[in-house]
Every structure is written in structure tokens, then in C-alpha cells.
Amino acid sequence: MKVLVIPEDPHLDQYILKPVIERVFDDLSKKARIEVLQNPRMRGVEDALDHETIDAIVTKNRMVDVFLLVVDRDCAKDRRARLDALEQRHPGKLLAAMGVEEVETWLLALHRRDVEERHKLSWAQVRSECHPKETFAEPLLARLGDGGPGNGRKSAMGAIAKQWKSLCELCPEIPELRERIRARPETAS
């Protein structure tokens, strides 16, 4: 199965999204080739939510079995409705998900104790922050070493192997996406 992940900005998000989506498919015991869309390069959520852009991506990539559009919620309560509208344009091909409030929260969940202790906040407070990338992830990455791919994101995501169960508990949108993928007729067992 060929899966194309469509991020709102692949430059940094790819280093978070690819390992998470690979683990989702591993959980499903589904062999999948996961790629992150690089071209056209999205330049933010508005590009990723543009129906003409998504239509063109789906049309151009006919050999892809599943398109996963993953964007940040950014405290925009109407974002799910916009994603649902895009899914309806490509039923059975496109699934859309949101990182609450940003996909960097998934990285933060892997380093939860460090973040909670340094900022003296509960996980619920961290998760409800509208800008966790700037508020928590960038300082965390600076402490961990922000060199290398994705300004340290690739290295920081290495914790996913040992923290997968915790990540799914802390970020319920991930197991929700896994169940939506499982429910697709093409991926159901």
C-alpha cells in the first residue's frame, strides 16, 4: 500500500509525521510505503486546506492508495469541518487529521516529563497551548540539540519506539486516526 502524507509544511513536520504514521500502520499490521509530500511544498495551513491544491495532488498521484492530510488545529475550532469537506471531495482516498494544537505536541508527548517539569505545567495545560511549537517544542529541541534534520525533530522522535503507548494515550487524535484507517475497506482485515 502506498501512503502519501500531506503536511501543512513538510520542511519540519515530516520528521514528526513520518515516524508516527509508520507506527500507525505497524499497529495495523499493514505493510505500507509512507512518503511525505514535498512537491508542491505547502506553505502553511491555508495551502493545505485549499481544495484545488488537494484535488490536484490526488489527481496527480493516482498510484497512491491513501492520502493523509495532517495539519495543526491551532485552536481553530472550525478546522475539523474544513477537513471533513476535503475528505468528502475524495471519499475512500483522503483522510484528514489534526495535531492538537500542533503536530509538535506529538513530539512533546515523547518528552512529557521534561516539559512538565521545566514549565511547571500539567500535560493538559501543555496540550491546550495554542502555540506549543514556539512555547515548548523549540526550547525543548534547543536543550536536546537542535542540529540535524528538522532542527532536531528527527532525533527527538527517536523516543517513539519506547514511548508509543504513552504517545497514543496523551494524544488521542493518533489512535483515532489509526481507527479511521482501519475502518477503510481497503485496509480492513
N, C-alpha and C. Protein backbone atom coordinates (compact mmCIF):
# COMPACT_ATOMS: atom_id res chain seq x y z
N MET A 1 0.84 -1.17 0.00
CA MET A 1 0.00 0.00 0.00
C MET A 1 0.89 1.23 0.00
N LYS A 2 0.54 2.19 -0.82
CA LYS A 2 1.29 3.44 -0.91
C LYS A 2 0.49 4.54 -0.21
N VAL A 3 1.16 5.22 0.73
CA VAL A 3 0.52 6.26 1.53
C VAL A 3 1.29 7.56 1.33
N LEU A 4 0.56 8.62 1.03
CA LEU A 4 1.17 9.93 0.88
C LEU A 4 0.64 10.84 1.98
N VAL A 5 1.54 11.30 2.82
CA VAL A 5 1.19 12.21 3.90
C VAL A 5 1.33 13.64 3.36
N ILE A 6 0.28 14.42 3.55
CA ILE A 6 0.27 15.80 3.09
C ILE A 6 0.31 16.70 4.34
N PRO A 7 1.48 17.25 4.64
CA PRO A 7 1.58 18.14 5.79
C PRO A 7 1.34 19.59 5.39
N GLU A 8 1.06 20.43 6.36
CA GLU A 8 0.90 21.85 6.04
C GLU A 8 2.24 22.51 5.75
N ASP A 9 3.32 21.90 6.25
CA ASP A 9 4.66 22.40 5.95
C ASP A 9 5.64 21.24 6.11
N PRO A 10 6.07 20.64 5.01
CA PRO A 10 6.90 19.44 5.12
C PRO A 10 8.31 19.69 5.65
N HIS A 11 8.78 20.92 5.57
CA HIS A 11 10.17 21.20 5.95
C HIS A 11 10.50 20.65 7.33
N LEU A 12 9.68 20.88 8.32
CA LEU A 12 9.91 20.38 9.67
C LEU A 12 8.94 19.27 10.07
N ASP A 13 7.69 19.39 9.63
CA ASP A 13 6.66 18.43 10.05
C ASP A 13 6.96 17.00 9.63
N GLN A 14 7.67 16.80 8.52
CA GLN A 14 7.94 15.45 8.04
C GLN A 14 8.66 14.60 9.08
N TYR A 15 9.49 15.22 9.90
CA TYR A 15 10.28 14.46 10.88
C TYR A 15 9.45 14.02 12.07
N ILE A 16 8.26 14.57 12.21
CA ILE A 16 7.31 14.13 13.23
C ILE A 16 6.30 13.18 12.60
N LEU A 17 5.76 13.58 11.46
CA LEU A 17 4.66 12.82 10.85
C LEU A 17 5.08 11.45 10.34
N LYS A 18 6.19 11.35 9.67
CA LYS A 18 6.56 10.06 9.08
C LYS A 18 6.71 8.96 10.14
N PRO A 19 7.46 9.17 11.23
CA PRO A 19 7.55 8.08 12.21
C PRO A 19 6.22 7.75 12.89
N VAL A 20 5.37 8.75 13.09
CA VAL A 20 4.07 8.49 13.70
C VAL A 20 3.20 7.67 12.76
N ILE A 21 3.13 8.05 11.51
CA ILE A 21 2.30 7.33 10.54
C ILE A 21 2.85 5.92 10.31
N GLU A 22 4.16 5.77 10.28
CA GLU A 22 4.74 4.42 10.17
C GLU A 22 4.30 3.54 11.33
N ARG A 23 4.30 4.07 12.53
CA ARG A 23 3.87 3.29 13.70
C ARG A 23 2.38 2.97 13.64
N VAL A 24 1.58 3.90 13.14
CA VAL A 24 0.15 3.63 12.98
C VAL A 24 -0.06 2.41 12.09
N PHE A 25 0.63 2.37 10.95
CA PHE A 25 0.48 1.24 10.04
C PHE A 25 1.08 -0.03 10.62
N ASP A 26 2.16 0.09 11.38
CA ASP A 26 2.71 -1.08 12.09
C ASP A 26 1.68 -1.65 13.05
N ASP A 27 1.01 -0.77 13.79
CA ASP A 27 -0.05 -1.21 14.72
C ASP A 27 -1.14 -1.98 13.99
N LEU A 28 -1.41 -1.56 12.79
CA LEU A 28 -2.46 -2.20 11.99
C LEU A 28 -1.96 -3.46 11.28
N SER A 29 -0.67 -3.76 11.44
CA SER A 29 -0.03 -4.89 10.75
C SER A 29 -0.23 -4.77 9.24
N LYS A 30 -0.14 -3.55 8.76
CA LYS A 30 -0.28 -3.27 7.33
C LYS A 30 1.04 -2.79 6.77
N LYS A 31 1.49 -3.47 5.75
CA LYS A 31 2.72 -3.05 5.08
C LYS A 31 2.37 -1.84 4.23
N ALA A 32 3.09 -0.75 4.47
CA ALA A 32 2.81 0.48 3.74
C ALA A 32 4.11 1.21 3.45
N ARG A 33 4.13 1.80 2.29
CA ARG A 33 5.25 2.68 1.92
C ARG A 33 4.77 4.10 2.18
N ILE A 34 5.36 4.72 3.20
CA ILE A 34 4.93 6.05 3.63
C ILE A 34 5.87 7.09 3.03
N GLU A 35 5.28 8.04 2.33
CA GLU A 35 6.04 9.17 1.81
C GLU A 35 5.38 10.46 2.29
N VAL A 36 6.19 11.47 2.47
CA VAL A 36 5.68 12.79 2.84
C VAL A 36 5.79 13.69 1.62
N LEU A 37 4.69 14.30 1.26
CA LEU A 37 4.63 15.17 0.08
C LEU A 37 5.65 16.31 0.21
N GLN A 38 6.47 16.44 -0.81
CA GLN A 38 7.45 17.52 -0.86
C GLN A 38 7.11 18.55 -1.95
N ASN A 39 6.40 18.07 -2.98
CA ASN A 39 6.09 18.93 -4.11
C ASN A 39 4.66 18.68 -4.57
N PRO A 40 3.79 19.65 -4.56
CA PRO A 40 4.08 21.03 -4.23
C PRO A 40 4.30 21.20 -2.73
N ARG A 41 5.20 22.08 -2.38
CA ARG A 41 5.51 22.34 -0.97
C ARG A 41 4.44 23.26 -0.40
N MET A 42 3.74 22.75 0.59
CA MET A 42 2.75 23.57 1.27
C MET A 42 3.48 24.63 2.09
N ARG A 43 2.88 25.78 2.17
CA ARG A 43 3.48 26.89 2.91
C ARG A 43 2.54 27.34 4.03
N GLY A 44 1.91 26.39 4.66
CA GLY A 44 1.03 26.71 5.77
C GLY A 44 -0.32 26.04 5.63
N VAL A 45 -1.11 26.23 6.65
CA VAL A 45 -2.39 25.52 6.72
C VAL A 45 -3.36 25.94 5.61
N GLU A 46 -3.33 27.19 5.21
CA GLU A 46 -4.26 27.61 4.16
C GLU A 46 -3.95 26.92 2.84
N ASP A 47 -2.67 26.71 2.53
CA ASP A 47 -2.32 25.92 1.34
C ASP A 47 -2.86 24.50 1.47
N ALA A 48 -2.67 23.91 2.63
CA ALA A 48 -3.09 22.52 2.84
C ALA A 48 -4.59 22.35 2.85
N LEU A 49 -5.33 23.38 3.16
CA LEU A 49 -6.79 23.29 3.19
C LEU A 49 -7.45 23.79 1.91
N ASP A 50 -6.65 24.16 0.94
CA ASP A 50 -7.19 24.63 -0.34
C ASP A 50 -7.65 23.44 -1.18
N HIS A 51 -8.93 23.39 -1.47
CA HIS A 51 -9.48 22.22 -2.17
C HIS A 51 -8.89 22.05 -3.56
N GLU A 52 -8.57 23.11 -4.26
CA GLU A 52 -7.98 22.97 -5.59
C GLU A 52 -6.58 22.34 -5.50
N THR A 53 -5.83 22.73 -4.48
CA THR A 53 -4.50 22.16 -4.29
C THR A 53 -4.60 20.67 -3.96
N ILE A 54 -5.49 20.32 -3.06
CA ILE A 54 -5.66 18.91 -2.68
C ILE A 54 -6.19 18.11 -3.86
N ASP A 55 -7.15 18.66 -4.60
CA ASP A 55 -7.66 17.97 -5.80
C ASP A 55 -6.51 17.67 -6.77
N ALA A 56 -5.64 18.64 -6.98
CA ALA A 56 -4.52 18.46 -7.92
C ALA A 56 -3.55 17.39 -7.41
N ILE A 57 -3.30 17.35 -6.12
CA ILE A 57 -2.39 16.35 -5.55
C ILE A 57 -2.97 14.95 -5.73
N VAL A 58 -4.25 14.80 -5.44
CA VAL A 58 -4.90 13.49 -5.57
C VAL A 58 -4.91 13.06 -7.04
N THR A 59 -5.23 13.97 -7.94
CA THR A 59 -5.28 13.66 -9.37
C THR A 59 -3.89 13.28 -9.91
N LYS A 60 -2.88 14.01 -9.50
CA LYS A 60 -1.52 13.78 -9.99
C LYS A 60 -0.93 12.47 -9.48
N ASN A 61 -1.34 12.03 -8.32
CA ASN A 61 -0.75 10.86 -7.66
C ASN A 61 -1.72 9.68 -7.66
N ARG A 62 -2.10 9.25 -8.82
CA ARG A 62 -3.11 8.19 -8.97
C ARG A 62 -2.68 6.85 -8.40
N MET A 63 -1.37 6.62 -8.26
CA MET A 63 -0.88 5.34 -7.75
C MET A 63 -0.91 5.27 -6.22
N VAL A 64 -1.25 6.36 -5.57
CA VAL A 64 -1.32 6.40 -4.11
C VAL A 64 -2.65 5.80 -3.67
N ASP A 65 -2.57 4.92 -2.66
CA ASP A 65 -3.78 4.27 -2.14
C ASP A 65 -4.49 5.12 -1.09
N VAL A 66 -3.71 5.79 -0.23
CA VAL A 66 -4.28 6.58 0.85
C VAL A 66 -3.52 7.90 0.95
N PHE A 67 -4.28 8.98 1.00
CA PHE A 67 -3.72 10.30 1.24
C PHE A 67 -4.08 10.68 2.67
N LEU A 68 -3.09 11.06 3.46
CA LEU A 68 -3.33 11.50 4.83
C LEU A 68 -2.95 12.97 4.95
N LEU A 69 -3.94 13.81 5.05
CA LEU A 69 -3.73 15.24 5.22
C LEU A 69 -3.65 15.50 6.72
N VAL A 70 -2.51 16.02 7.18
CA VAL A 70 -2.33 16.25 8.61
C VAL A 70 -1.90 17.70 8.82
N VAL A 71 -2.72 18.44 9.55
CA VAL A 71 -2.47 19.85 9.81
C VAL A 71 -2.54 20.12 11.31
N ASP A 72 -2.12 21.30 11.69
CA ASP A 72 -2.26 21.75 13.07
C ASP A 72 -3.67 22.30 13.27
N ARG A 73 -4.23 22.07 14.46
CA ARG A 73 -5.53 22.67 14.76
C ARG A 73 -5.37 24.16 15.08
N ASP A 74 -4.29 24.53 15.74
CA ASP A 74 -4.01 25.94 16.04
C ASP A 74 -5.16 26.65 16.77
N CYS A 75 -5.86 25.93 17.62
CA CYS A 75 -7.00 26.48 18.38
C CYS A 75 -8.14 26.96 17.48
N ALA A 76 -8.14 26.54 16.24
CA ALA A 76 -9.22 26.90 15.30
C ALA A 76 -10.31 25.83 15.39
N LYS A 77 -11.35 26.13 16.09
CA LYS A 77 -12.41 25.14 16.36
C LYS A 77 -13.16 24.71 15.10
N ASP A 78 -13.09 25.50 14.04
CA ASP A 78 -13.79 25.16 12.79
C ASP A 78 -12.93 24.31 11.84
N ARG A 79 -11.72 24.01 12.23
CA ARG A 79 -10.81 23.31 11.33
C ARG A 79 -11.32 21.93 10.95
N ARG A 80 -11.92 21.20 11.87
CA ARG A 80 -12.42 19.85 11.58
C ARG A 80 -13.45 19.89 10.45
N ALA A 81 -14.31 20.89 10.45
CA ALA A 81 -15.33 21.00 9.39
C ALA A 81 -14.67 21.18 8.03
N ARG A 82 -13.62 21.96 7.99
CA ARG A 82 -12.90 22.17 6.72
C ARG A 82 -12.24 20.88 6.26
N LEU A 83 -11.68 20.11 7.20
CA LEU A 83 -11.07 18.83 6.84
C LEU A 83 -12.13 17.84 6.36
N ASP A 84 -13.27 17.83 7.02
CA ASP A 84 -14.36 16.93 6.60
C ASP A 84 -14.80 17.24 5.17
N ALA A 85 -14.87 18.51 4.84
CA ALA A 85 -15.27 18.90 3.48
C ALA A 85 -14.27 18.39 2.45
N LEU A 86 -12.98 18.45 2.78
CA LEU A 86 -11.96 17.93 1.87
C LEU A 86 -12.08 16.41 1.73
N GLU A 87 -12.31 15.73 2.84
CA GLU A 87 -12.48 14.27 2.78
C GLU A 87 -13.65 13.89 1.89
N GLN A 88 -14.73 14.65 1.96
CA GLN A 88 -15.91 14.36 1.16
C GLN A 88 -15.65 14.53 -0.34
N ARG A 89 -14.69 15.34 -0.69
CA ARG A 89 -14.33 15.51 -2.10
C ARG A 89 -13.59 14.29 -2.64
N HIS A 90 -12.98 13.50 -1.73
CA HIS A 90 -12.18 12.34 -2.14
C HIS A 90 -12.49 11.15 -1.23
N PRO A 91 -13.74 10.70 -1.25
CA PRO A 91 -14.12 9.60 -0.35
C PRO A 91 -13.33 8.32 -0.63
N GLY A 92 -12.89 7.70 0.44
CA GLY A 92 -12.14 6.45 0.31
C GLY A 92 -10.67 6.65 -0.03
N LYS A 93 -10.28 7.86 -0.37
CA LYS A 93 -8.89 8.14 -0.74
C LYS A 93 -8.18 9.04 0.27
N LEU A 94 -8.90 10.04 0.78
CA LEU A 94 -8.30 11.05 1.64
C LEU A 94 -8.85 10.97 3.05
N LEU A 95 -7.95 10.90 4.01
CA LEU A 95 -8.30 11.01 5.42
C LEU A 95 -7.54 12.21 5.97
N ALA A 96 -8.19 12.98 6.82
CA ALA A 96 -7.56 14.18 7.37
C ALA A 96 -7.54 14.11 8.88
N ALA A 97 -6.45 14.61 9.45
CA ALA A 97 -6.28 14.61 10.90
C ALA A 97 -5.63 15.93 11.32
N MET A 98 -5.75 16.20 12.61
CA MET A 98 -5.15 17.41 13.17
C MET A 98 -4.29 17.07 14.36
N GLY A 99 -3.15 17.74 14.45
CA GLY A 99 -2.38 17.73 15.68
C GLY A 99 -2.99 18.77 16.60
N VAL A 100 -3.26 18.39 17.84
CA VAL A 100 -3.87 19.31 18.80
C VAL A 100 -2.76 19.76 19.75
N GLU A 101 -2.44 20.98 19.76
CA GLU A 101 -2.87 22.05 18.86
C GLU A 101 -1.94 22.15 17.64
N GLU A 102 -0.78 21.52 17.73
CA GLU A 102 0.15 21.44 16.59
C GLU A 102 0.76 20.04 16.60
N VAL A 103 1.28 19.59 15.46
CA VAL A 103 1.90 18.26 15.43
C VAL A 103 3.11 18.18 16.34
N GLU A 104 3.71 19.31 16.66
CA GLU A 104 4.82 19.31 17.62
C GLU A 104 4.40 18.80 18.98
N THR A 105 3.11 18.83 19.27
CA THR A 105 2.62 18.27 20.54
C THR A 105 2.92 16.78 20.61
N TRP A 106 2.92 16.11 19.46
CA TRP A 106 3.23 14.68 19.44
C TRP A 106 4.68 14.46 19.87
N LEU A 107 5.56 15.31 19.40
CA LEU A 107 6.96 15.25 19.83
C LEU A 107 7.06 15.54 21.33
N LEU A 108 6.34 16.55 21.78
CA LEU A 108 6.36 16.92 23.20
C LEU A 108 5.88 15.77 24.09
N ALA A 109 4.91 15.01 23.62
CA ALA A 109 4.39 13.89 24.41
C ALA A 109 5.47 12.86 24.69
N LEU A 110 6.41 12.73 23.78
CA LEU A 110 7.51 11.78 23.97
C LEU A 110 8.49 12.26 25.03
N HIS A 111 8.41 13.53 25.36
CA HIS A 111 9.31 14.15 26.34
C HIS A 111 8.48 14.85 27.42
N ARG A 112 7.34 14.27 27.73
CA ARG A 112 6.36 14.89 28.61
C ARG A 112 6.94 15.31 29.96
N ARG A 113 7.64 14.42 30.62
CA ARG A 113 8.17 14.73 31.96
C ARG A 113 9.07 15.96 31.93
N ASP A 114 9.96 16.01 30.98
CA ASP A 114 10.87 17.15 30.85
C ASP A 114 10.08 18.44 30.68
N VAL A 115 9.09 18.42 29.79
CA VAL A 115 8.31 19.63 29.51
C VAL A 115 7.51 20.05 30.74
N GLU A 116 6.83 19.11 31.38
CA GLU A 116 6.03 19.44 32.56
C GLU A 116 6.91 20.01 33.68
N GLU A 117 8.04 19.38 33.92
CA GLU A 117 8.92 19.84 35.00
C GLU A 117 9.52 21.21 34.71
N ARG A 118 10.00 21.42 33.52
CA ARG A 118 10.63 22.70 33.19
C ARG A 118 9.65 23.86 33.20
N HIS A 119 8.43 23.59 32.77
CA HIS A 119 7.45 24.68 32.66
C HIS A 119 6.46 24.69 33.83
N LYS A 120 6.58 23.70 34.71
CA LYS A 120 5.71 23.60 35.88
C LYS A 120 4.23 23.65 35.48
N LEU A 121 3.91 22.83 34.49
CA LEU A 121 2.55 22.75 33.97
C LEU A 121 2.14 21.28 33.88
N SER A 122 0.84 21.06 33.89
CA SER A 122 0.32 19.71 33.65
C SER A 122 0.31 19.45 32.15
N TRP A 123 0.17 18.17 31.79
CA TRP A 123 0.08 17.84 30.37
C TRP A 123 -1.13 18.50 29.73
N ALA A 124 -2.24 18.57 30.45
CA ALA A 124 -3.43 19.22 29.91
C ALA A 124 -3.16 20.68 29.57
N GLN A 125 -2.38 21.36 30.40
CA GLN A 125 -2.04 22.75 30.13
C GLN A 125 -1.11 22.86 28.92
N VAL A 126 -0.17 21.96 28.82
CA VAL A 126 0.73 21.95 27.66
C VAL A 126 -0.08 21.73 26.40
N ARG A 127 -0.94 20.73 26.43
CA ARG A 127 -1.72 20.35 25.26
C ARG A 127 -2.71 21.45 24.82
N SER A 128 -3.17 22.24 25.75
CA SER A 128 -4.15 23.28 25.41
C SER A 128 -3.51 24.57 24.90
N GLU A 129 -2.20 24.67 24.98
CA GLU A 129 -1.49 25.86 24.47
C GLU A 129 -1.67 25.95 22.95
N CYS A 130 -2.09 27.11 22.47
CA CYS A 130 -2.33 27.28 21.03
C CYS A 130 -1.05 27.27 20.20
N HIS A 131 0.09 27.56 20.82
CA HIS A 131 1.36 27.64 20.09
C HIS A 131 2.43 26.80 20.79
N PRO A 132 2.20 25.49 20.90
CA PRO A 132 3.17 24.66 21.62
C PRO A 132 4.53 24.56 20.93
N LYS A 133 4.58 24.76 19.63
CA LYS A 133 5.87 24.70 18.94
C LYS A 133 6.80 25.77 19.49
N GLU A 134 6.33 27.01 19.50
CA GLU A 134 7.16 28.11 19.97
C GLU A 134 7.34 28.08 21.49
N THR A 135 6.27 27.76 22.20
CA THR A 135 6.30 27.82 23.66
C THR A 135 7.08 26.68 24.30
N PHE A 136 6.94 25.46 23.75
CA PHE A 136 7.55 24.30 24.40
C PHE A 136 8.53 23.52 23.51
N ALA A 137 8.16 23.28 22.24
CA ALA A 137 8.98 22.40 21.40
C ALA A 137 10.33 23.04 21.05
N GLU A 138 10.33 24.28 20.65
CA GLU A 138 11.60 24.90 20.28
C GLU A 138 12.57 24.97 21.46
N PRO A 139 12.11 25.36 22.68
CA PRO A 139 13.04 25.30 23.82
C PRO A 139 13.50 23.87 24.13
N LEU A 140 12.61 22.90 24.02
CA LEU A 140 12.99 21.50 24.25
C LEU A 140 14.05 21.07 23.24
N LEU A 141 13.83 21.37 21.98
CA LEU A 141 14.79 20.99 20.94
C LEU A 141 16.14 21.68 21.15
N ALA A 142 16.12 22.90 21.61
CA ALA A 142 17.38 23.60 21.89
C ALA A 142 18.14 22.87 23.01
N ARG A 143 17.43 22.40 24.03
CA ARG A 143 18.07 21.65 25.12
C ARG A 143 18.59 20.30 24.65
N LEU A 144 17.79 19.63 23.78
CA LEU A 144 18.18 18.30 23.30
C LEU A 144 19.26 18.36 22.24
N GLY A 145 19.39 19.50 21.61
CA GLY A 145 20.33 19.66 20.49
C GLY A 145 19.55 19.80 19.22
N ASP A 146 19.42 21.04 18.75
CA ASP A 146 18.56 21.30 17.60
C ASP A 146 19.30 21.24 16.27
N GLY A 147 20.44 20.58 16.25
CA GLY A 147 21.13 20.35 14.99
C GLY A 147 20.55 19.12 14.31
N GLY A 148 20.93 18.91 13.10
CA GLY A 148 20.46 17.73 12.38
C GLY A 148 19.13 17.95 11.71
N PRO A 149 18.62 16.90 11.08
CA PRO A 149 17.37 17.02 10.31
C PRO A 149 16.20 17.53 11.15
N GLY A 150 15.49 18.47 10.56
CA GLY A 150 14.30 19.00 11.21
C GLY A 150 14.60 19.82 12.44
N ASN A 151 15.78 20.42 12.48
CA ASN A 151 16.18 21.19 13.66
C ASN A 151 16.08 20.37 14.94
N GLY A 152 16.49 19.11 14.84
CA GLY A 152 16.48 18.22 16.00
C GLY A 152 15.24 17.36 16.13
N ARG A 153 14.24 17.57 15.29
CA ARG A 153 13.00 16.80 15.39
C ARG A 153 13.22 15.31 15.13
N LYS A 154 14.04 15.00 14.13
CA LYS A 154 14.28 13.59 13.81
C LYS A 154 14.88 12.86 15.00
N SER A 155 15.86 13.45 15.62
CA SER A 155 16.49 12.84 16.79
C SER A 155 15.52 12.74 17.96
N ALA A 156 14.78 13.81 18.22
CA ALA A 156 13.82 13.82 19.33
C ALA A 156 12.72 12.78 19.15
N MET A 157 12.36 12.49 17.91
CA MET A 157 11.32 11.49 17.65
C MET A 157 11.84 10.07 17.83
N GLY A 158 13.15 9.90 18.04
CA GLY A 158 13.70 8.57 18.29
C GLY A 158 13.09 7.90 19.50
N ALA A 159 12.53 8.68 20.40
CA ALA A 159 11.90 8.14 21.61
C ALA A 159 10.59 7.42 21.30
N ILE A 160 10.11 7.49 20.07
CA ILE A 160 8.81 6.91 19.73
C ILE A 160 8.77 5.40 19.98
N ALA A 161 9.89 4.72 19.78
CA ALA A 161 9.90 3.26 19.95
C ALA A 161 9.52 2.85 21.36
N LYS A 162 10.02 3.57 22.35
CA LYS A 162 9.73 3.22 23.75
C LYS A 162 8.50 3.93 24.30
N GLN A 163 8.08 5.00 23.66
CA GLN A 163 7.00 5.83 24.20
C GLN A 163 5.71 5.78 23.38
N TRP A 164 5.58 4.82 22.47
CA TRP A 164 4.43 4.78 21.57
C TRP A 164 3.11 4.70 22.33
N LYS A 165 3.01 3.80 23.27
CA LYS A 165 1.76 3.64 24.02
C LYS A 165 1.40 4.94 24.75
N SER A 166 2.38 5.54 25.38
CA SER A 166 2.16 6.80 26.08
C SER A 166 1.74 7.90 25.11
N LEU A 167 2.39 7.96 23.95
CA LEU A 167 2.03 8.95 22.94
C LEU A 167 0.56 8.81 22.55
N CYS A 168 0.12 7.60 22.34
CA CYS A 168 -1.28 7.37 21.95
C CYS A 168 -2.25 7.74 23.07
N GLU A 169 -1.85 7.53 24.31
CA GLU A 169 -2.70 7.92 25.44
C GLU A 169 -2.76 9.43 25.60
N LEU A 170 -1.63 10.10 25.38
CA LEU A 170 -1.56 11.55 25.58
C LEU A 170 -2.13 12.35 24.42
N CYS A 171 -2.14 11.76 23.24
CA CYS A 171 -2.62 12.44 22.02
C CYS A 171 -3.66 11.55 21.35
N PRO A 172 -4.90 11.57 21.82
CA PRO A 172 -5.92 10.64 21.31
C PRO A 172 -6.24 10.79 19.84
N GLU A 173 -5.83 11.89 19.22
CA GLU A 173 -6.08 12.02 17.78
C GLU A 173 -5.29 10.99 16.98
N ILE A 174 -4.20 10.46 17.55
CA ILE A 174 -3.41 9.45 16.84
C ILE A 174 -4.15 8.11 16.78
N PRO A 175 -4.60 7.55 17.92
CA PRO A 175 -5.38 6.31 17.80
C PRO A 175 -6.71 6.51 17.06
N GLU A 176 -7.25 7.71 17.12
CA GLU A 176 -8.46 7.99 16.33
C GLU A 176 -8.17 7.86 14.84
N LEU A 177 -7.04 8.41 14.40
CA LEU A 177 -6.64 8.27 13.00
C LEU A 177 -6.39 6.80 12.66
N ARG A 178 -5.73 6.08 13.56
CA ARG A 178 -5.48 4.65 13.34
C ARG A 178 -6.79 3.90 13.12
N GLU A 179 -7.80 4.20 13.93
CA GLU A 179 -9.09 3.51 13.78
C GLU A 179 -9.80 3.92 12.49
N ARG A 180 -9.65 5.14 12.07
CA ARG A 180 -10.25 5.57 10.81
C ARG A 180 -9.57 4.87 9.63
N ILE A 181 -8.26 4.68 9.73
CA ILE A 181 -7.54 3.95 8.67
C ILE A 181 -7.97 2.48 8.69
N ARG A 182 -8.08 1.90 9.88
CA ARG A 182 -8.52 0.51 9.98
C ARG A 182 -9.91 0.30 9.37
N ALA A 183 -10.78 1.27 9.52
CA ALA A 183 -12.15 1.16 9.04
C ALA A 183 -12.29 1.30 7.52
N ARG A 184 -11.25 1.82 6.87
CA ARG A 184 -11.30 1.92 5.41
C ARG A 184 -11.44 0.53 4.82
N PRO A 185 -12.31 0.33 3.85
CA PRO A 185 -12.48 -1.01 3.26
C PRO A 185 -11.18 -1.60 2.73
N GLU A 186 -10.31 -0.79 2.16
CA GLU A 186 -9.07 -1.29 1.58
C GLU A 186 -8.07 -1.73 2.63
N THR A 187 -8.20 -1.24 3.89
CA THR A 187 -7.25 -1.59 4.92
C THR A 187 -7.86 -2.47 6.00
N ALA A 188 -9.15 -2.70 5.95
CA ALA A 188 -9.79 -3.55 6.97
C ALA A 188 -9.33 -4.99 6.79
N SER A 189 -9.17 -5.67 7.90
CA SER A 189 -8.72 -7.07 7.83
C SER A 189 -9.87 -8.00 7.53
